[in-house]
Each structure stands twice: as C-alpha cells, then as structure tokens.
Amino acid sequence: QVQLVESGGGLVQAGGSLRLSCAASGRTFSTYSMGWFRQAPGKEREFVAAISWSGRSVSYADSVKGRFTISRDNSKNTVYLQMNSLKPEDTALYYCAADETPSTVARTRGDAYDYWGQGTQVTVSS
C-alpha cells in the first residue's frame, strides 16, 4: 500500500507561481510512475503531468506545456509540480497519483494509476 500526501497549494495571483509536492510512503516509490491530475468544480478530473520512474519520460497536458514542470527526487520519495505563469483556469484541486505497473512511459490516463492522494487546492485570482 502506498500513501500519498500533497502539499504546497494555496491562493496566488494570476502570473504567479506555486510548487506542489507529493510525499509518498513505501520502499518502492522509485519504481512507480507518478502523475498529477486536477479537478475544477463542476468539471471532470483531467491529466496535468506525469513522470516515469526514472524521470526520463515526462508528459504534459497541452494546457500546461511550457508553464508547468514535473520532477521527482527518489531519495526523498517525493514528486514535484512547479507551476509558473498561473492562470485563473488553473484553479482546481490537484491530486498526486502513483502507477505501480512497471513502465518506461509516463501514463496520462487516470485509470492507469493505482494510488491517489487527497488533493491540495490551488486557487488563482485574476
């Protein structure tokens, strides 16, 4: 069993930055692909970014490319999401997820992920 705890959300003005963190329990974190998803009120959950276990493969939603960066530190069992040039439409509850199936590719489908955190709220004011 893996437990994921997100942190780093908050209220920021448009154009600002935030860095989300997701701390994972368990010894096998370094073998998991990790992803970030978000869900805004009244909308379906959507993919944001993902990173393979090695960090060599990353994927981004088109809406965040060039603004968000996903990274991981396997020595700290933590994955990060650096969010720059934030827009009001980035406002959502952001979830971290872990995919325990060995893969060299960072998956973008939510149903590929096995474990989910509780989420951290990001609010961007205009």
Foldseek 3Di string as FASTA:
>chain_A
DKAKAKDWADEEAAQAKIKMKIAMDDDCLLQKKKFKWWDAPPGDIFGAKIAGSVRPAIDGDPVQPPFWDWDDDSVRRMIMIIGGRDDQVVWTWMKMFIQNPGDNYTDGDPVNTDDIYPTDTHGYHD
